[in-house]
């Protein structure tokens, strides 16, 4: 008998975005660190809230920081 396991990977379509301005200092809520930013991607400008595990990671966000959404 041959056993086959098929794993389906969720292929989300993500695009690159870059921070243009940090709107607020990082804040702690729901056991995570959050940073509100203005950003630009191939679709134009927008605002996002980025989530991090540590305060140090959140504090590294500055204009030019690249993330996917």
Protein backbone atom coordinates (compact mmCIF):
# COMPACT_ATOMS: atom_id res chain seq x y z
CA UNK A 1 0.00 0.00 0.00
CA UNK A 2 1.30 3.47 -0.91
CA UNK A 3 0.39 6.41 1.27
CA UNK A 4 0.45 9.87 -0.26
CA UNK A 5 0.12 13.09 1.68
CA UNK A 6 -0.80 16.18 -0.26
CA UNK A 7 -0.14 19.52 1.36
CA UNK A 8 -1.88 22.50 -0.16
CA UNK A 9 -0.03 25.74 0.35
CA UNK A 10 -2.11 28.89 0.57
CA UNK A 11 -0.69 31.01 -2.23
CA UNK A 12 -1.71 34.52 -1.28
CA UNK A 13 -0.82 37.23 -3.70
CA UNK A 14 1.30 39.69 -1.77
CA UNK A 15 2.79 42.91 -3.08
CA UNK A 16 5.74 44.92 -1.83
CA UNK A 17 5.15 48.23 -0.10
CA UNK A 18 7.49 50.82 1.38
CA UNK A 19 6.98 53.07 4.38
CA UNK A 20 6.97 56.76 3.46
CA UNK A 21 6.17 58.12 6.94
CA UNK A 22 5.80 56.73 10.46
CA UNK A 23 2.58 58.25 11.81
CA UNK A 24 2.95 57.27 15.49
CA UNK A 25 5.46 55.75 17.88
CA UNK A 26 5.11 51.99 18.38
CA UNK A 27 2.44 50.96 20.87
CA UNK A 28 1.77 47.70 22.72
CA UNK A 29 -1.64 46.04 22.44
CA UNK A 30 -2.91 42.43 22.32
CA UNK A 31 0.57 41.11 23.24
CA UNK A 32 2.12 42.62 20.07
CA UNK A 33 3.83 45.86 19.06
CA UNK A 34 2.09 47.98 16.41
CA UNK A 35 3.24 50.88 14.22
CA UNK A 36 0.93 53.07 12.11
CA UNK A 37 2.55 54.13 8.84
CA UNK A 38 1.89 55.77 5.52
CA UNK A 39 3.12 53.69 2.61
CA UNK A 40 3.37 53.41 -1.15
CA UNK A 41 2.99 50.35 -3.38
CA UNK A 42 2.29 49.69 -7.05
CA UNK A 43 -1.34 50.67 -6.50
CA UNK A 44 -0.57 54.05 -4.96
CA UNK A 45 -0.42 55.51 -1.46
CA UNK A 46 -2.14 54.25 1.68
CA UNK A 47 -1.96 53.72 5.41
CA UNK A 48 -1.18 50.49 7.24
CA UNK A 49 -0.63 49.24 10.75
CA UNK A 50 2.34 46.90 10.99
CA UNK A 51 2.60 44.22 13.69
CA UNK A 52 5.80 43.05 15.43
CA UNK A 53 6.76 40.64 18.19
CA UNK A 54 9.24 42.96 19.93
CA UNK A 55 9.56 46.66 20.62
CA UNK A 56 13.02 46.67 19.04
CA UNK A 57 11.62 45.39 15.73
CA UNK A 58 8.86 48.01 15.78
CA UNK A 59 11.33 50.81 16.51
CA UNK A 60 13.39 49.92 13.42
CA UNK A 61 10.55 50.98 11.10
CA UNK A 62 11.46 54.15 9.23
CA UNK A 63 10.87 55.60 5.76
CA UNK A 64 12.10 53.09 3.19
CA UNK A 65 11.19 50.05 5.33
CA UNK A 66 9.88 47.32 2.99
CA UNK A 67 6.97 45.03 3.89
CA UNK A 68 4.42 42.89 2.06
CA UNK A 69 0.67 43.12 2.19
